[in-house]
mmCIF file of all heavy atoms, coordinates in Angstrom:
data_MODEL
# 
_entry.id   MODEL 
# 
loop_
_atom_site.group_PDB 
_atom_site.id 
_atom_site.type_symbol 
_atom_site.label_atom_id 
_atom_site.label_alt_id 
_atom_site.label_comp_id 
_atom_site.label_asym_id 
_atom_site.label_entity_id 
_atom_site.label_seq_id 
_atom_site.pdbx_PDB_ins_code 
_atom_site.Cartn_x 
_atom_site.Cartn_y 
_atom_site.Cartn_z 
_atom_site.occupancy 
_atom_site.B_iso_or_equiv 
_atom_site.pdbx_formal_charge 
_atom_site.auth_seq_id 
_atom_site.auth_comp_id 
_atom_site.auth_asym_id 
_atom_site.auth_atom_id 
_atom_site.pdbx_PDB_model_num 
ATOM 1   N N   . ALA A 1 1  ? 99.620  131.417 46.428 1.00 0.00 ? 1  ALA A N   1 
ATOM 2   C CA  . ALA A 1 1  ? 98.788  132.531 46.650 1.00 0.00 ? 1  ALA A CA  1 
ATOM 3   C C   . ALA A 1 1  ? 99.326  133.442 47.763 1.00 0.00 ? 1  ALA A C   1 
ATOM 4   O O   . ALA A 1 1  ? 99.309  134.603 47.740 1.00 0.00 ? 1  ALA A O   1 
ATOM 5   C CB  . ALA A 1 1  ? 97.361  132.131 46.789 1.00 0.00 ? 1  ALA A CB  1 
ATOM 6   N N   . GLU A 1 2  ? 99.655  132.739 48.877 1.00 0.00 ? 2  GLU A N   1 
ATOM 7   C CA  . GLU A 1 2  ? 100.157 133.519 50.011 1.00 0.00 ? 2  GLU A CA  1 
ATOM 8   C C   . GLU A 1 2  ? 101.469 134.261 49.677 1.00 0.00 ? 2  GLU A C   1 
ATOM 9   O O   . GLU A 1 2  ? 101.632 135.350 50.140 1.00 0.00 ? 2  GLU A O   1 
ATOM 10  C CB  . GLU A 1 2  ? 100.386 132.558 51.241 1.00 0.00 ? 2  GLU A CB  1 
ATOM 11  C CG  . GLU A 1 2  ? 100.827 133.383 52.507 1.00 0.00 ? 2  GLU A CG  1 
ATOM 12  C CD  . GLU A 1 2  ? 100.709 132.701 53.785 1.00 0.00 ? 2  GLU A CD  1 
ATOM 13  O OE1 . GLU A 1 2  ? 100.407 131.457 53.736 1.00 0.00 ? 2  GLU A OE1 1 
ATOM 14  O OE2 . GLU A 1 2  ? 100.809 133.312 54.783 1.00 0.00 ? 2  GLU A OE2 1 
ATOM 15  N N   . ALA A 1 3  ? 102.319 133.645 48.868 1.00 0.00 ? 3  ALA A N   1 
ATOM 16  C CA  . ALA A 1 3  ? 103.535 134.318 48.469 1.00 0.00 ? 3  ALA A CA  1 
ATOM 17  C C   . ALA A 1 3  ? 103.197 135.598 47.675 1.00 0.00 ? 3  ALA A C   1 
ATOM 18  O O   . ALA A 1 3  ? 103.761 136.642 47.852 1.00 0.00 ? 3  ALA A O   1 
ATOM 19  C CB  . ALA A 1 3  ? 104.401 133.415 47.667 1.00 0.00 ? 3  ALA A CB  1 
ATOM 20  N N   . ARG A 1 4  ? 102.229 135.478 46.765 1.00 0.00 ? 4  ARG A N   1 
ATOM 21  C CA  . ARG A 1 4  ? 101.746 136.597 45.942 1.00 0.00 ? 4  ARG A CA  1 
ATOM 22  C C   . ARG A 1 4  ? 101.162 137.683 46.982 1.00 0.00 ? 4  ARG A C   1 
ATOM 23  O O   . ARG A 1 4  ? 101.427 138.899 46.681 1.00 0.00 ? 4  ARG A O   1 
ATOM 24  C CB  . ARG A 1 4  ? 100.808 136.179 44.935 1.00 0.00 ? 4  ARG A CB  1 
ATOM 25  C CG  . ARG A 1 4  ? 101.389 135.288 43.868 1.00 0.00 ? 4  ARG A CG  1 
ATOM 26  C CD  . ARG A 1 4  ? 100.546 135.038 42.708 1.00 0.00 ? 4  ARG A CD  1 
ATOM 27  N NE  . ARG A 1 4  ? 99.361  134.156 43.026 1.00 0.00 ? 4  ARG A NE  1 
ATOM 28  C CZ  . ARG A 1 4  ? 99.396  132.754 43.036 1.00 0.00 ? 4  ARG A CZ  1 
ATOM 29  N NH1 . ARG A 1 4  ? 100.508 132.210 42.766 1.00 0.00 ? 4  ARG A NH1 1 
ATOM 30  N NH2 . ARG A 1 4  ? 98.327  132.094 43.255 1.00 0.00 ? 4  ARG A NH2 1 
ATOM 31  N N   . TYR A 1 5  ? 100.379 137.260 47.851 1.00 0.00 ? 5  TYR A N   1 
ATOM 32  C CA  . TYR A 1 5  ? 99.752  138.249 48.790 1.00 0.00 ? 5  TYR A CA  1 
ATOM 33  C C   . TYR A 1 5  ? 100.777 138.928 49.618 1.00 0.00 ? 5  TYR A C   1 
ATOM 34  O O   . TYR A 1 5  ? 100.750 140.209 49.743 1.00 0.00 ? 5  TYR A O   1 
ATOM 35  C CB  . TYR A 1 5  ? 98.810  137.415 49.746 1.00 0.00 ? 5  TYR A CB  1 
ATOM 36  C CG  . TYR A 1 5  ? 98.397  138.136 50.940 1.00 0.00 ? 5  TYR A CG  1 
ATOM 37  C CD1 . TYR A 1 5  ? 97.293  139.074 50.812 1.00 0.00 ? 5  TYR A CD1 1 
ATOM 38  C CD2 . TYR A 1 5  ? 98.957  138.092 52.162 1.00 0.00 ? 5  TYR A CD2 1 
ATOM 39  C CE1 . TYR A 1 5  ? 96.869  139.817 51.939 1.00 0.00 ? 5  TYR A CE1 1 
ATOM 40  C CE2 . TYR A 1 5  ? 98.622  138.718 53.233 1.00 0.00 ? 5  TYR A CE2 1 
ATOM 41  C CZ  . TYR A 1 5  ? 97.424  139.583 53.176 1.00 0.00 ? 5  TYR A CZ  1 
ATOM 42  O OH  . TYR A 1 5  ? 97.029  140.311 54.276 1.00 0.00 ? 5  TYR A OH  1 
ATOM 43  N N   . LEU A 1 6  ? 101.747 138.206 50.113 1.00 0.00 ? 6  LEU A N   1 
ATOM 44  C CA  . LEU A 1 6  ? 102.792 138.967 50.921 1.00 0.00 ? 6  LEU A CA  1 
ATOM 45  C C   . LEU A 1 6  ? 103.552 139.979 50.109 1.00 0.00 ? 6  LEU A C   1 
ATOM 46  O O   . LEU A 1 6  ? 103.964 141.023 50.578 1.00 0.00 ? 6  LEU A O   1 
ATOM 47  C CB  . LEU A 1 6  ? 103.774 137.811 51.564 1.00 0.00 ? 6  LEU A CB  1 
ATOM 48  C CG  . LEU A 1 6  ? 103.114 136.969 52.603 1.00 0.00 ? 6  LEU A CG  1 
ATOM 49  C CD1 . LEU A 1 6  ? 104.110 135.891 52.965 1.00 0.00 ? 6  LEU A CD1 1 
ATOM 50  C CD2 . LEU A 1 6  ? 102.652 137.772 53.762 1.00 0.00 ? 6  LEU A CD2 1 
ATOM 51  N N   . ARG A 1 7  ? 103.855 139.639 48.812 1.00 0.00 ? 7  ARG A N   1 
ATOM 52  C CA  . ARG A 1 7  ? 104.540 140.556 47.981 1.00 0.00 ? 7  ARG A CA  1 
ATOM 53  C C   . ARG A 1 7  ? 103.699 141.769 47.677 1.00 0.00 ? 7  ARG A C   1 
ATOM 54  O O   . ARG A 1 7  ? 104.205 142.902 47.729 1.00 0.00 ? 7  ARG A O   1 
ATOM 55  C CB  . ARG A 1 7  ? 104.905 139.905 46.655 1.00 0.00 ? 7  ARG A CB  1 
ATOM 56  C CG  . ARG A 1 7  ? 106.070 138.808 46.810 1.00 0.00 ? 7  ARG A CG  1 
ATOM 57  C CD  . ARG A 1 7  ? 106.510 138.351 45.440 1.00 0.00 ? 7  ARG A CD  1 
ATOM 58  N NE  . ARG A 1 7  ? 107.350 137.172 45.551 1.00 0.00 ? 7  ARG A NE  1 
ATOM 59  C CZ  . ARG A 1 7  ? 107.046 135.931 45.314 1.00 0.00 ? 7  ARG A CZ  1 
ATOM 60  N NH1 . ARG A 1 7  ? 105.754 135.637 44.897 1.00 0.00 ? 7  ARG A NH1 1 
ATOM 61  N NH2 . ARG A 1 7  ? 107.926 134.932 45.423 1.00 0.00 ? 7  ARG A NH2 1 
ATOM 62  N N   . LEU A 1 8  ? 102.394 141.620 47.492 1.00 0.00 ? 8  LEU A N   1 
ATOM 63  C CA  . LEU A 1 8  ? 101.453 142.710 47.205 1.00 0.00 ? 8  LEU A CA  1 
ATOM 64  C C   . LEU A 1 8  ? 101.420 143.598 48.348 1.00 0.00 ? 8  LEU A C   1 
ATOM 65  O O   . LEU A 1 8  ? 101.494 144.821 48.249 1.00 0.00 ? 8  LEU A O   1 
ATOM 66  C CB  . LEU A 1 8  ? 100.114 142.086 46.881 1.00 0.00 ? 8  LEU A CB  1 
ATOM 67  C CG  . LEU A 1 8  ? 99.688  141.741 45.518 1.00 0.00 ? 8  LEU A CG  1 
ATOM 68  C CD1 . LEU A 1 8  ? 98.381  140.937 45.453 1.00 0.00 ? 8  LEU A CD1 1 
ATOM 69  C CD2 . LEU A 1 8  ? 99.569  143.065 44.658 1.00 0.00 ? 8  LEU A CD2 1 
ATOM 70  N N   . VAL A 1 9  ? 101.227 143.072 49.567 1.00 0.00 ? 9  VAL A N   1 
ATOM 71  C CA  . VAL A 1 9  ? 101.097 143.892 50.785 1.00 0.00 ? 9  VAL A CA  1 
ATOM 72  C C   . VAL A 1 9  ? 102.417 144.669 51.050 1.00 0.00 ? 9  VAL A C   1 
ATOM 73  O O   . VAL A 1 9  ? 102.384 145.875 51.346 1.00 0.00 ? 9  VAL A O   1 
ATOM 74  C CB  . VAL A 1 9  ? 100.660 143.023 51.953 1.00 0.00 ? 9  VAL A CB  1 
ATOM 75  C CG1 . VAL A 1 9  ? 100.629 143.988 53.249 1.00 0.00 ? 9  VAL A CG1 1 
ATOM 76  C CG2 . VAL A 1 9  ? 99.318  142.385 51.782 1.00 0.00 ? 9  VAL A CG2 1 
ATOM 77  N N   . ALA A 1 10 ? 103.552 144.011 50.926 1.00 0.00 ? 10 ALA A N   1 
ATOM 78  C CA  . ALA A 1 10 ? 104.785 144.650 51.182 1.00 0.00 ? 10 ALA A CA  1 
ATOM 79  C C   . ALA A 1 10 ? 104.996 145.827 50.209 1.00 0.00 ? 10 ALA A C   1 
ATOM 80  O O   . ALA A 1 10 ? 105.609 146.880 50.558 1.00 0.00 ? 10 ALA A O   1 
ATOM 81  C CB  . ALA A 1 10 ? 105.938 143.640 51.047 1.00 0.00 ? 10 ALA A CB  1 
ATOM 82  N N   . ASP A 1 11 ? 104.619 145.639 48.982 1.00 0.00 ? 11 ASP A N   1 
ATOM 83  C CA  . ASP A 1 11 ? 104.836 146.639 47.979 1.00 0.00 ? 11 ASP A CA  1 
ATOM 84  C C   . ASP A 1 11 ? 103.758 147.775 47.956 1.00 0.00 ? 11 ASP A C   1 
ATOM 85  O O   . ASP A 1 11 ? 104.094 148.954 47.795 1.00 0.00 ? 11 ASP A O   1 
ATOM 86  C CB  . ASP A 1 11 ? 104.830 145.963 46.579 1.00 0.00 ? 11 ASP A CB  1 
ATOM 87  C CG  . ASP A 1 11 ? 105.031 146.915 45.433 1.00 0.00 ? 11 ASP A CG  1 
ATOM 88  O OD1 . ASP A 1 11 ? 105.993 147.707 45.488 1.00 0.00 ? 11 ASP A OD1 1 
ATOM 89  O OD2 . ASP A 1 11 ? 104.207 146.967 44.521 1.00 0.00 ? 11 ASP A OD2 1 
ATOM 90  N N   . ARG A 1 12 ? 102.484 147.396 48.305 1.00 0.00 ? 12 ARG A N   1 
ATOM 91  C CA  . ARG A 1 12 ? 101.474 148.360 48.111 1.00 0.00 ? 12 ARG A CA  1 
ATOM 92  C C   . ARG A 1 12 ? 100.717 148.799 49.420 1.00 0.00 ? 12 ARG A C   1 
ATOM 93  O O   . ARG A 1 12 ? 99.838  149.743 49.323 1.00 0.00 ? 12 ARG A O   1 
ATOM 94  C CB  . ARG A 1 12 ? 100.443 147.889 47.015 1.00 0.00 ? 12 ARG A CB  1 
ATOM 95  C CG  . ARG A 1 12 ? 101.141 147.604 45.678 1.00 0.00 ? 12 ARG A CG  1 
ATOM 96  C CD  . ARG A 1 12 ? 100.378 146.855 44.663 1.00 0.00 ? 12 ARG A CD  1 
ATOM 97  N NE  . ARG A 1 12 ? 99.237  147.554 44.294 1.00 0.00 ? 12 ARG A NE  1 
ATOM 98  C CZ  . ARG A 1 12 ? 98.305  147.102 43.395 1.00 0.00 ? 12 ARG A CZ  1 
ATOM 99  N NH1 . ARG A 1 12 ? 98.503  145.993 42.810 1.00 0.00 ? 12 ARG A NH1 1 
ATOM 100 N NH2 . ARG A 1 12 ? 97.228  147.824 43.077 1.00 0.00 ? 12 ARG A NH2 1 
ATOM 101 N N   . ALA A 1 13 ? 100.932 148.095 50.497 1.00 0.00 ? 13 ALA A N   1 
ATOM 102 C CA  . ALA A 1 13 ? 100.272 148.490 51.711 1.00 0.00 ? 13 ALA A CA  1 
ATOM 103 C C   . ALA A 1 13 ? 101.305 148.257 52.828 1.00 0.00 ? 13 ALA A C   1 
ATOM 104 O O   . ALA A 1 13 ? 101.045 147.482 53.770 1.00 0.00 ? 13 ALA A O   1 
ATOM 105 C CB  . ALA A 1 13 ? 99.019  147.699 52.020 1.00 0.00 ? 13 ALA A CB  1 
ATOM 106 N N   . PRO A 1 14 ? 102.551 148.885 52.766 1.00 0.00 ? 14 PRO A N   1 
ATOM 107 C CA  . PRO A 1 14 ? 103.542 148.535 53.803 1.00 0.00 ? 14 PRO A CA  1 
ATOM 108 C C   . PRO A 1 14 ? 103.227 148.823 55.209 1.00 0.00 ? 14 PRO A C   1 
ATOM 109 O O   . PRO A 1 14 ? 103.917 148.323 56.125 1.00 0.00 ? 14 PRO A O   1 
ATOM 110 C CB  . PRO A 1 14 ? 104.693 149.434 53.286 1.00 0.00 ? 14 PRO A CB  1 
ATOM 111 C CG  . PRO A 1 14 ? 104.058 150.557 52.478 1.00 0.00 ? 14 PRO A CG  1 
ATOM 112 C CD  . PRO A 1 14 ? 102.839 149.916 51.816 1.00 0.00 ? 14 PRO A CD  1 
ATOM 113 N N   . ALA A 1 15 ? 102.212 149.680 55.459 1.00 0.00 ? 15 ALA A N   1 
ATOM 114 C CA  . ALA A 1 15 ? 101.750 149.897 56.852 1.00 0.00 ? 15 ALA A CA  1 
ATOM 115 C C   . ALA A 1 15 ? 101.079 148.686 57.492 1.00 0.00 ? 15 ALA A C   1 
ATOM 116 O O   . ALA A 1 15 ? 100.944 148.682 58.717 1.00 0.00 ? 15 ALA A O   1 
ATOM 117 C CB  . ALA A 1 15 ? 100.888 151.099 56.944 1.00 0.00 ? 15 ALA A CB  1 
ATOM 118 N N   . VAL A 1 16 ? 100.640 147.765 56.652 1.00 0.00 ? 16 VAL A N   1 
ATOM 119 C CA  . VAL A 1 16 ? 99.938  146.594 57.231 1.00 0.00 ? 16 VAL A CA  1 
ATOM 120 C C   . VAL A 1 16 ? 101.056 145.586 57.575 1.00 0.00 ? 16 VAL A C   1 
ATOM 121 O O   . VAL A 1 16 ? 101.844 145.141 56.746 1.00 0.00 ? 16 VAL A O   1 
ATOM 122 C CB  . VAL A 1 16 ? 99.003  145.969 56.194 1.00 0.00 ? 16 VAL A CB  1 
ATOM 123 C CG1 . VAL A 1 16 ? 98.361  144.692 56.741 1.00 0.00 ? 16 VAL A CG1 1 
ATOM 124 C CG2 . VAL A 1 16 ? 97.919  146.969 55.744 1.00 0.00 ? 16 VAL A CG2 1 
ATOM 125 N N   . PRO A 1 17 ? 101.110 145.213 58.896 1.00 0.00 ? 17 PRO A N   1 
ATOM 126 C CA  . PRO A 1 17 ? 102.237 144.322 59.278 1.00 0.00 ? 17 PRO A CA  1 
ATOM 127 C C   . PRO A 1 17 ? 102.024 142.851 58.909 1.00 0.00 ? 17 PRO A C   1 
ATOM 128 O O   . PRO A 1 17 ? 101.145 142.109 59.467 1.00 0.00 ? 17 PRO A O   1 
ATOM 129 C CB  . PRO A 1 17 ? 102.230 144.424 60.797 1.00 0.00 ? 17 PRO A CB  1 
ATOM 130 C CG  . PRO A 1 17 ? 100.798 144.779 61.144 1.00 0.00 ? 17 PRO A CG  1 
ATOM 131 C CD  . PRO A 1 17 ? 100.274 145.523 59.995 1.00 0.00 ? 17 PRO A CD  1 
ATOM 132 N N   . VAL A 1 18 ? 102.781 142.437 57.983 1.00 0.00 ? 18 VAL A N   1 
ATOM 133 C CA  . VAL A 1 18 ? 102.698 140.993 57.438 1.00 0.00 ? 18 VAL A CA  1 
ATOM 134 C C   . VAL A 1 18 ? 104.168 140.434 57.588 1.00 0.00 ? 18 VAL A C   1 
ATOM 135 O O   . VAL A 1 18 ? 105.109 141.194 57.530 1.00 0.00 ? 18 VAL A O   1 
ATOM 136 C CB  . VAL A 1 18 ? 102.162 140.808 56.059 1.00 0.00 ? 18 VAL A CB  1 
ATOM 137 C CG1 . VAL A 1 18 ? 100.738 141.345 55.996 1.00 0.00 ? 18 VAL A CG1 1 
ATOM 138 C CG2 . VAL A 1 18 ? 102.966 141.538 55.038 1.00 0.00 ? 18 VAL A CG2 1 
ATOM 139 N N   . PRO A 1 19 ? 104.290 139.150 57.648 1.00 0.00 ? 19 PRO A N   1 
ATOM 140 C CA  . PRO A 1 19 ? 105.673 138.573 57.715 1.00 0.00 ? 19 PRO A CA  1 
ATOM 141 C C   . PRO A 1 19 ? 106.451 138.750 56.508 1.00 0.00 ? 19 PRO A C   1 
ATOM 142 O O   . PRO A 1 19 ? 105.907 138.574 55.346 1.00 0.00 ? 19 PRO A O   1 
ATOM 143 C CB  . PRO A 1 19 ? 105.384 137.050 57.914 1.00 0.00 ? 19 PRO A CB  1 
ATOM 144 C CG  . PRO A 1 19 ? 103.998 136.968 58.353 1.00 0.00 ? 19 PRO A CG  1 
ATOM 145 C CD  . PRO A 1 19 ? 103.265 138.097 57.736 1.00 0.00 ? 19 PRO A CD  1 
ATOM 146 N N   . PRO A 1 20 ? 107.700 139.253 56.536 1.00 0.00 ? 20 PRO A N   1 
ATOM 147 C CA  . PRO A 1 20 ? 108.499 139.390 55.347 1.00 0.00 ? 20 PRO A CA  1 
ATOM 148 C C   . PRO A 1 20 ? 108.710 138.026 54.718 1.00 0.00 ? 20 PRO A C   1 
ATOM 149 O O   . PRO A 1 20 ? 109.088 137.043 55.350 1.00 0.00 ? 20 PRO A O   1 
ATOM 150 C CB  . PRO A 1 20 ? 109.845 139.987 55.910 1.00 0.00 ? 20 PRO A CB  1 
ATOM 151 C CG  . PRO A 1 20 ? 109.453 140.604 57.221 1.00 0.00 ? 20 PRO A CG  1 
ATOM 152 C CD  . PRO A 1 20 ? 108.338 139.807 57.685 1.00 0.00 ? 20 PRO A CD  1 
ATOM 153 N N   . LEU A 1 21 ? 108.533 137.902 53.426 1.00 0.00 ? 21 LEU A N   1 
ATOM 154 C CA  . LEU A 1 21 ? 108.698 136.695 52.643 1.00 0.00 ? 21 LEU A CA  1 
ATOM 155 C C   . LEU A 1 21 ? 110.164 136.473 52.374 1.00 0.00 ? 21 LEU A C   1 
ATOM 156 O O   . LEU A 1 21 ? 110.807 137.347 51.797 1.00 0.00 ? 21 LEU A O   1 
ATOM 157 C CB  . LEU A 1 21 ? 107.888 136.708 51.309 1.00 0.00 ? 21 LEU A CB  1 
ATOM 158 C CG  . LEU A 1 21 ? 108.059 135.556 50.385 1.00 0.00 ? 21 LEU A CG  1 
ATOM 159 C CD1 . LEU A 1 21 ? 107.485 134.310 51.069 1.00 0.00 ? 21 LEU A CD1 1 
ATOM 160 C CD2 . LEU A 1 21 ? 107.346 135.829 49.063 1.00 0.00 ? 21 LEU A CD2 1 
ATOM 161 N N   . LEU A 1 22 ? 110.728 135.375 52.743 1.00 0.00 ? 22 LEU A N   1 
ATOM 162 C CA  . LEU A 1 22 ? 112.132 135.027 52.567 1.00 0.00 ? 22 LEU A CA  1 
ATOM 163 C C   . LEU A 1 22 ? 112.288 134.127 51.367 1.00 0.00 ? 22 LEU A C   1 
ATOM 164 O O   . LEU A 1 22 ? 113.336 134.235 50.666 1.00 0.00 ? 22 LEU A O   1 
ATOM 165 C CB  . LEU A 1 22 ? 112.670 134.448 53.783 1.00 0.00 ? 22 LEU A CB  1 
ATOM 166 C CG  . LEU A 1 22 ? 112.658 135.277 55.109 1.00 0.00 ? 22 LEU A CG  1 
ATOM 167 C CD1 . LEU A 1 22 ? 113.252 134.433 56.264 1.00 0.00 ? 22 LEU A CD1 1 
ATOM 168 C CD2 . LEU A 1 22 ? 113.280 136.603 54.888 1.00 0.00 ? 22 LEU A CD2 1 
ATOM 169 N N   . HIS A 1 23 ? 111.372 133.220 51.144 1.00 0.00 ? 23 HIS A N   1 
ATOM 170 C CA  . HIS A 1 23 ? 111.480 132.274 50.045 1.00 0.00 ? 23 HIS A CA  1 
ATOM 171 C C   . HIS A 1 23 ? 110.234 131.579 49.803 1.00 0.00 ? 23 HIS A C   1 
ATOM 172 O O   . HIS A 1 23 ? 109.471 131.237 50.695 1.00 0.00 ? 23 HIS A O   1 
ATOM 173 C CB  . HIS A 1 23 ? 112.569 131.180 50.390 1.00 0.00 ? 23 HIS A CB  1 
ATOM 174 C CG  . HIS A 1 23 ? 112.840 130.245 49.274 1.00 0.00 ? 23 HIS A CG  1 
ATOM 175 N ND1 . HIS A 1 23 ? 113.708 130.535 48.210 1.00 0.00 ? 23 HIS A ND1 1 
ATOM 176 C CD2 . HIS A 1 23 ? 112.456 129.009 49.073 1.00 0.00 ? 23 HIS A CD2 1 
ATOM 177 C CE1 . HIS A 1 23 ? 113.743 129.540 47.361 1.00 0.00 ? 23 HIS A CE1 1 
ATOM 178 N NE2 . HIS A 1 23 ? 112.987 128.586 47.834 1.00 0.00 ? 23 HIS A NE2 1 
ATOM 179 N N   . HIS A 1 24 ? 109.920 131.434 48.496 1.00 0.00 ? 24 HIS A N   1 
ATOM 180 C CA  . HIS A 1 24 ? 108.797 130.522 48.091 1.00 0.00 ? 24 HIS A CA  1 
ATOM 181 C C   . HIS A 1 24 ? 109.387 129.448 47.193 1.00 0.00 ? 24 HIS A C   1 
ATOM 182 O O   . HIS A 1 24 ? 109.988 129.795 46.186 1.00 0.00 ? 24 HIS A O   1 
ATOM 183 C CB  . HIS A 1 24 ? 107.717 131.280 47.410 1.00 0.00 ? 24 HIS A CB  1 
ATOM 184 C CG  . HIS A 1 24 ? 106.631 130.493 46.712 1.00 0.00 ? 24 HIS A CG  1 
ATOM 185 N ND1 . HIS A 1 24 ? 106.165 130.751 45.464 1.00 0.00 ? 24 HIS A ND1 1 
ATOM 186 C CD2 . HIS A 1 24 ? 106.114 129.284 47.114 1.00 0.00 ? 24 HIS A CD2 1 
ATOM 187 C CE1 . HIS A 1 24 ? 105.267 129.780 45.093 1.00 0.00 ? 24 HIS A CE1 1 
ATOM 188 N NE2 . HIS A 1 24 ? 105.226 128.968 46.159 1.00 0.00 ? 24 HIS A NE2 1 
ATOM 189 N N   . GLY A 1 25 ? 109.186 128.268 47.577 1.00 0.00 ? 25 GLY A N   1 
ATOM 190 C CA  . GLY A 1 25 ? 109.777 127.178 46.798 1.00 0.00 ? 25 GLY A CA  1 
ATOM 191 C C   . GLY A 1 25 ? 108.879 126.113 46.286 1.00 0.00 ? 25 GLY A C   1 
ATOM 192 O O   . GLY A 1 25 ? 107.771 125.887 46.897 1.00 0.00 ? 25 GLY A O   1 
ATOM 193 N N   . ARG A 1 26 ? 109.172 125.551 45.169 1.00 0.00 ? 26 ARG A N   1 
ATOM 194 C CA  . ARG A 1 26 ? 108.449 124.367 44.640 1.00 0.00 ? 26 ARG A CA  1 
ATOM 195 C C   . ARG A 1 26 ? 109.502 123.327 44.197 1.00 0.00 ? 26 ARG A C   1 
ATOM 196 O O   . ARG A 1 26 ? 110.523 123.674 43.590 1.00 0.00 ? 26 ARG A O   1 
ATOM 197 C CB  . ARG A 1 26 ? 107.681 124.789 43.381 1.00 0.00 ? 26 ARG A CB  1 
ATOM 198 C CG  . ARG A 1 26 ? 106.295 125.503 43.729 1.00 0.00 ? 26 ARG A CG  1 
ATOM 199 C CD  . ARG A 1 26 ? 105.430 125.549 42.530 1.00 0.00 ? 26 ARG A CD  1 
ATOM 200 N NE  . ARG A 1 26 ? 104.179 126.136 42.876 1.00 0.00 ? 26 ARG A NE  1 
ATOM 201 C CZ  . ARG A 1 26 ? 103.834 127.387 42.570 1.00 0.00 ? 26 ARG A CZ  1 
ATOM 202 N NH1 . ARG A 1 26 ? 104.701 128.231 42.035 1.00 0.00 ? 26 ARG A NH1 1 
ATOM 203 N NH2 . ARG A 1 26 ? 102.603 127.829 42.989 1.00 0.00 ? 26 ARG A NH2 1 
ATOM 204 N N   . HIS A 1 27 ? 109.197 122.006 44.559 1.00 0.00 ? 27 HIS A N   1 
ATOM 205 C CA  . HIS A 1 27 ? 110.156 120.963 44.291 1.00 0.00 ? 27 HIS A CA  1 
ATOM 206 C C   . HIS A 1 27 ? 109.318 119.676 44.023 1.00 0.00 ? 27 HIS A C   1 
ATOM 207 O O   . HIS A 1 27 ? 108.346 119.468 44.683 1.00 0.00 ? 27 HIS A O   1 
ATOM 208 C CB  . HIS A 1 27 ? 111.135 120.854 45.398 1.00 0.00 ? 27 HIS A CB  1 
ATOM 209 C CG  . HIS A 1 27 ? 112.172 119.845 45.183 1.00 0.00 ? 27 HIS A CG  1 
ATOM 210 N ND1 . HIS A 1 27 ? 112.061 118.523 45.319 1.00 0.00 ? 27 HIS A ND1 1 
ATOM 211 C CD2 . HIS A 1 27 ? 113.519 120.010 44.657 1.00 0.00 ? 27 HIS A CD2 1 
ATOM 212 C CE1 . HIS A 1 27 ? 113.250 117.966 45.074 1.00 0.00 ? 27 HIS A CE1 1 
ATOM 213 N NE2 . HIS A 1 27 ? 114.101 118.827 44.660 1.00 0.00 ? 27 HIS A NE2 1 
ATOM 214 N N   . PRO A 1 28 ? 109.665 118.866 43.075 1.00 0.00 ? 28 PRO A N   1 
ATOM 215 C CA  . PRO A 1 28 ? 108.935 117.598 42.789 1.00 0.00 ? 28 PRO A CA  1 
ATOM 216 C C   . PRO A 1 28 ? 108.793 116.768 44.060 1.00 0.00 ? 28 PRO A C   1 
ATOM 217 O O   . PRO A 1 28 ? 107.740 116.134 44.193 1.00 0.00 ? 28 PRO A O   1 
ATOM 218 C CB  . PRO A 1 28 ? 109.765 116.946 41.794 1.00 0.00 ? 28 PRO A CB  1 
ATOM 219 C CG  . PRO A 1 28 ? 110.532 117.999 41.032 1.00 0.00 ? 28 PRO A CG  1 
ATOM 220 C CD  . PRO A 1 28 ? 110.862 119.040 42.095 1.00 0.00 ? 28 PRO A CD  1 
ATOM 221 N N   . GLU A 1 29 ? 109.686 116.763 44.933 1.00 0.00 ? 29 GLU A N   1 
ATOM 222 C CA  . GLU A 1 29 ? 109.667 115.945 46.176 1.00 0.00 ? 29 GLU A CA  1 
ATOM 223 C C   . GLU A 1 29 ? 109.192 116.717 47.347 1.00 0.00 ? 29 GLU A C   1 
ATOM 224 O O   . GLU A 1 29 ? 108.433 116.213 48.150 1.00 0.00 ? 29 GLU A O   1 
ATOM 225 C CB  . GLU A 1 29 ? 111.016 115.273 46.389 1.00 0.00 ? 29 GLU A CB  1 
ATOM 226 C CG  . GLU A 1 29 ? 111.361 114.274 45.314 1.00 0.00 ? 29 GLU A CG  1 
ATOM 227 C CD  . GLU A 1 29 ? 112.736 113.580 45.621 1.00 0.00 ? 29 GLU A CD  1 
ATOM 228 O OE1 . GLU A 1 29 ? 113.291 113.828 46.686 1.00 0.00 ? 29 GLU A OE1 1 
ATOM 229 O OE2 . GLU A 1 29 ? 113.217 112.826 44.746 1.00 0.00 ? 29 GLU A OE2 1 
ATOM 230 N N   . LEU A 1 30 ? 109.669 117.972 47.505 1.00 0.00 ? 30 LEU A N   1 
ATOM 231 C CA  . LEU A 1 30 ? 109.355 118.740 48.711 1.00 0.00 ? 30 LEU A CA  1 
ATOM 232 C C   . LEU A 1 30 ? 107.998 119.353 48.624 1.00 0.00 ? 30 LEU A C   1 
ATOM 233 O O   . LEU A 1 30 ? 107.438 119.771 49.609 1.00 0.00 ? 30 LEU A O   1 
ATOM 234 C CB  . LEU A 1 30 ? 110.407 119.768 48.958 1.00 0.00 ? 30 LEU A CB  1 
ATOM 235 C CG  . LEU A 1 30 ? 111.892 119.231 49.266 1.00 0.00 ? 30 LEU A CG  1 
ATOM 236 C CD1 . LEU A 1 30 ? 112.851 120.415 49.370 1.00 0.00 ? 30 LEU A CD1 1 
ATOM 237 C CD2 . LEU A 1 30 ? 111.947 118.392 50.501 1.00 0.00 ? 30 LEU A CD2 1 
# 
C-alpha cells in the first residue's frame, strides 16, 4: 500500500514532499 501511495503522490501531487520510491520487492524468504 505504501508503494502505491508513493507512486500516486509522485504522479498526482508532486508538490507534496514524499520519499522517491526506488524499489518495492516481494520474495518468498525476504
